[in-house]
Amino acid sequence: METKLTLKLDKAVIQSVKKYAHNSNKSLSKLVESYFRNLVSEGEKKKATYSPLVEELSGVISEKAMKGIDYLGYLEAKYE
């Protein structure tokens, strides 16, 4: 169901967005709708997404195993 929405925006912003919409072959309404959809979906997606490789490797080394390891020192020595 579509509903009308009235917005008050700076005139220069409106002109710029109308030009952008025209150049993108989209209506201003569709741009606003798309923006709002993305805004809401980002709020629902709080969990970060990782690549499949990172997901696969996650948890391979436990935090307990990492204690006492000077990883920063290792990297500094490796890349001197």
N, C-alpha and C. Protein backbone atom coordinates (compact mmCIF):
# COMPACT_ATOMS: atom_id res chain seq x y z
N MET A 1 0.83 -1.17 0.00
CA MET A 1 0.00 0.00 0.00
C MET A 1 0.88 1.24 0.00
N GLU A 2 0.67 2.11 -0.91
CA GLU A 2 1.43 3.34 -0.98
C GLU A 2 0.69 4.45 -0.25
N THR A 3 1.47 5.29 0.43
CA THR A 3 0.92 6.41 1.19
C THR A 3 1.74 7.65 0.88
N LYS A 4 1.09 8.77 0.84
CA LYS A 4 1.76 10.03 0.56
C LYS A 4 2.49 10.52 1.79
N LEU A 5 3.69 11.10 1.56
CA LEU A 5 4.51 11.64 2.64
C LEU A 5 4.98 13.02 2.22
N THR A 6 4.85 13.99 3.11
CA THR A 6 5.30 15.35 2.84
C THR A 6 6.56 15.61 3.66
N LEU A 7 7.61 16.09 2.98
CA LEU A 7 8.87 16.40 3.65
C LEU A 7 9.23 17.86 3.43
N LYS A 8 9.87 18.47 4.40
CA LYS A 8 10.39 19.82 4.25
C LYS A 8 11.91 19.71 4.25
N LEU A 9 12.52 20.11 3.13
CA LEU A 9 13.97 20.03 2.98
C LEU A 9 14.50 21.33 2.41
N ASP A 10 15.79 21.53 2.56
CA ASP A 10 16.45 22.68 1.98
C ASP A 10 16.25 22.67 0.46
N LYS A 11 15.97 23.83 -0.11
CA LYS A 11 15.67 23.93 -1.54
C LYS A 11 16.84 23.43 -2.39
N ALA A 12 18.07 23.74 -1.99
CA ALA A 12 19.24 23.30 -2.76
C ALA A 12 19.38 21.78 -2.74
N VAL A 13 19.05 21.18 -1.61
CA VAL A 13 19.10 19.72 -1.50
C VAL A 13 18.07 19.10 -2.44
N ILE A 14 16.88 19.65 -2.44
CA ILE A 14 15.82 19.13 -3.32
C ILE A 14 16.24 19.21 -4.78
N GLN A 15 16.80 20.34 -5.18
CA GLN A 15 17.23 20.50 -6.57
C GLN A 15 18.32 19.49 -6.93
N SER A 16 19.27 19.31 -6.03
CA SER A 16 20.36 18.36 -6.28
C SER A 16 19.84 16.93 -6.38
N VAL A 17 18.93 16.57 -5.51
CA VAL A 17 18.39 15.21 -5.50
C VAL A 17 17.52 14.96 -6.73
N LYS A 18 16.76 15.96 -7.14
CA LYS A 18 15.95 15.82 -8.35
C LYS A 18 16.86 15.59 -9.56
N LYS A 19 17.95 16.32 -9.62
CA LYS A 19 18.90 16.15 -10.72
C LYS A 19 19.52 14.75 -10.68
N TYR A 20 19.89 14.30 -9.48
CA TYR A 20 20.45 12.96 -9.32
C TYR A 20 19.43 11.90 -9.75
N ALA A 21 18.20 12.06 -9.33
CA ALA A 21 17.15 11.10 -9.68
C ALA A 21 16.96 11.05 -11.20
N HIS A 22 16.93 12.22 -11.82
CA HIS A 22 16.76 12.27 -13.28
C HIS A 22 17.92 11.56 -13.98
N ASN A 23 19.16 11.85 -13.54
CA ASN A 23 20.34 11.22 -14.15
C ASN A 23 20.40 9.71 -13.90
N SER A 24 19.76 9.27 -12.82
CA SER A 24 19.74 7.84 -12.48
C SER A 24 18.52 7.12 -13.06
N ASN A 25 17.69 7.86 -13.78
CA ASN A 25 16.44 7.30 -14.34
C ASN A 25 15.57 6.68 -13.26
N LYS A 26 15.47 7.37 -12.12
CA LYS A 26 14.62 6.91 -11.01
C LYS A 26 13.76 8.08 -10.56
N SER A 27 12.65 7.75 -9.95
CA SER A 27 11.82 8.81 -9.40
C SER A 27 12.36 9.20 -8.02
N LEU A 28 12.06 10.41 -7.63
CA LEU A 28 12.47 10.88 -6.32
C LEU A 28 11.83 10.02 -5.23
N SER A 29 10.60 9.63 -5.43
CA SER A 29 9.91 8.77 -4.46
C SER A 29 10.63 7.44 -4.29
N LYS A 30 11.07 6.84 -5.41
CA LYS A 30 11.78 5.56 -5.32
C LYS A 30 13.12 5.71 -4.61
N LEU A 31 13.81 6.83 -4.83
CA LEU A 31 15.08 7.07 -4.12
C LEU A 31 14.86 7.17 -2.62
N VAL A 32 13.84 7.91 -2.23
CA VAL A 32 13.55 8.07 -0.80
C VAL A 32 13.14 6.73 -0.20
N GLU A 33 12.29 6.00 -0.90
CA GLU A 33 11.86 4.68 -0.41
C GLU A 33 13.05 3.74 -0.25
N SER A 34 13.94 3.74 -1.23
CA SER A 34 15.12 2.89 -1.18
C SER A 34 16.02 3.27 -0.01
N TYR A 35 16.19 4.57 0.20
CA TYR A 35 17.00 5.04 1.32
C TYR A 35 16.41 4.58 2.65
N PHE A 36 15.10 4.77 2.81
CA PHE A 36 14.45 4.36 4.05
C PHE A 36 14.54 2.84 4.26
N ARG A 37 14.36 2.07 3.19
CA ARG A 37 14.49 0.61 3.31
C ARG A 37 15.89 0.21 3.78
N ASN A 38 16.92 0.83 3.19
CA ASN A 38 18.29 0.54 3.59
C ASN A 38 18.55 0.97 5.03
N LEU A 39 18.03 2.11 5.40
CA LEU A 39 18.21 2.61 6.75
C LEU A 39 17.64 1.64 7.79
N VAL A 40 16.44 1.16 7.52
CA VAL A 40 15.77 0.23 8.44
C VAL A 40 16.50 -1.12 8.46
N SER A 41 16.89 -1.62 7.30
CA SER A 41 17.54 -2.93 7.25
C SER A 41 18.92 -2.88 7.91
N GLU A 42 19.63 -1.76 7.81
CA GLU A 42 20.93 -1.63 8.48
C GLU A 42 20.75 -1.65 9.99
N GLY A 43 19.66 -1.05 10.47
CA GLY A 43 19.39 -1.07 11.89
C GLY A 43 19.10 -2.47 12.40
N GLU A 44 18.53 -3.30 11.54
CA GLU A 44 18.22 -4.68 11.92
C GLU A 44 19.45 -5.57 11.84
N LYS A 45 20.43 -5.19 11.01
CA LYS A 45 21.64 -5.99 10.82
C LYS A 45 22.75 -5.45 11.70
N LYS A 46 22.71 -5.70 12.97
CA LYS A 46 23.75 -5.23 13.88
C LYS A 46 24.98 -6.14 13.82
N LYS A 47 24.77 -7.40 13.50
CA LYS A 47 25.87 -8.35 13.44
C LYS A 47 26.70 -8.08 12.18
N ALA A 48 28.01 -8.00 12.36
CA ALA A 48 28.90 -7.77 11.22
C ALA A 48 28.93 -9.02 10.35
N THR A 49 29.06 -8.82 9.06
CA THR A 49 29.16 -9.94 8.15
C THR A 49 30.62 -10.11 7.75
N TYR A 50 31.07 -11.33 7.68
CA TYR A 50 32.45 -11.64 7.35
C TYR A 50 32.49 -12.54 6.12
N SER A 51 33.63 -12.55 5.48
CA SER A 51 33.79 -13.41 4.31
C SER A 51 33.73 -14.87 4.74
N PRO A 52 33.42 -15.78 3.83
CA PRO A 52 33.35 -17.20 4.18
C PRO A 52 34.66 -17.72 4.79
N LEU A 53 35.81 -17.23 4.30
CA LEU A 53 37.10 -17.68 4.85
C LEU A 53 37.25 -17.26 6.30
N VAL A 54 36.89 -16.04 6.62
CA VAL A 54 36.99 -15.56 8.00
C VAL A 54 36.04 -16.35 8.89
N GLU A 55 34.83 -16.60 8.40
CA GLU A 55 33.87 -17.41 9.17
C GLU A 55 34.43 -18.80 9.44
N GLU A 56 35.07 -19.38 8.42
CA GLU A 56 35.62 -20.73 8.56
C GLU A 56 36.76 -20.77 9.57
N LEU A 57 37.59 -19.73 9.57
CA LEU A 57 38.76 -19.71 10.45
C LEU A 57 38.43 -19.22 11.86
N SER A 58 37.28 -18.62 12.02
CA SER A 58 36.89 -18.09 13.31
C SER A 58 36.87 -19.20 14.37
N GLY A 59 37.58 -18.98 15.46
CA GLY A 59 37.61 -19.94 16.55
C GLY A 59 38.65 -21.03 16.41
N VAL A 60 39.47 -20.99 15.34
CA VAL A 60 40.50 -22.01 15.16
C VAL A 60 41.52 -21.93 16.30
N ILE A 61 41.88 -20.71 16.68
CA ILE A 61 42.81 -20.52 17.80
C ILE A 61 42.00 -19.89 18.94
N SER A 62 42.01 -20.52 20.07
CA SER A 62 41.23 -20.02 21.20
C SER A 62 41.93 -18.83 21.84
N GLU A 63 41.17 -18.03 22.59
CA GLU A 63 41.74 -16.89 23.31
C GLU A 63 42.78 -17.38 24.31
N LYS A 64 42.52 -18.53 24.90
CA LYS A 64 43.44 -19.09 25.89
C LYS A 64 44.79 -19.39 25.25
N ALA A 65 44.78 -19.91 24.03
CA ALA A 65 46.03 -20.21 23.34
C ALA A 65 46.79 -18.95 22.95
N MET A 66 46.10 -17.83 22.80
CA MET A 66 46.73 -16.57 22.40
C MET A 66 47.39 -15.83 23.56
N LYS A 67 47.06 -16.21 24.79
CA LYS A 67 47.64 -15.52 25.94
C LYS A 67 49.14 -15.78 25.99
N GLY A 68 49.88 -14.70 26.22
CA GLY A 68 51.33 -14.81 26.33
C GLY A 68 52.05 -14.73 24.99
N ILE A 69 51.32 -14.60 23.90
CA ILE A 69 51.95 -14.49 22.59
C ILE A 69 52.05 -13.01 22.22
N ASP A 70 53.28 -12.59 21.87
CA ASP A 70 53.51 -11.20 21.48
C ASP A 70 53.37 -11.09 19.96
N TYR A 71 52.14 -11.06 19.48
CA TYR A 71 51.88 -11.05 18.05
C TYR A 71 52.36 -9.75 17.41
N LEU A 72 52.21 -8.64 18.10
CA LEU A 72 52.67 -7.36 17.58
C LEU A 72 54.19 -7.38 17.41
N GLY A 73 54.88 -7.92 18.40
CA GLY A 73 56.34 -8.05 18.31
C GLY A 73 56.75 -8.94 17.14
N TYR A 74 56.01 -10.02 16.95
CA TYR A 74 56.26 -10.92 15.83
C TYR A 74 56.13 -10.20 14.50
N LEU A 75 55.05 -9.42 14.34
CA LEU A 75 54.84 -8.70 13.09
C LEU A 75 55.90 -7.62 12.88
N GLU A 76 56.28 -6.92 13.93
CA GLU A 76 57.32 -5.89 13.80
C GLU A 76 58.64 -6.51 13.35
N ALA A 77 59.01 -7.67 13.94
CA ALA A 77 60.25 -8.34 13.55
C ALA A 77 60.17 -8.87 12.13
N LYS A 78 59.03 -9.38 11.74
CA LYS A 78 58.86 -9.96 10.41
C LYS A 78 58.96 -8.90 9.33
N TYR A 79 58.44 -7.71 9.57
CA TYR A 79 58.39 -6.69 8.52
C TYR A 79 59.38 -5.55 8.70
N GLU A 80 60.47 -5.80 9.44
CA GLU A 80 61.51 -4.76 9.60
C GLU A 80 62.27 -4.56 8.33
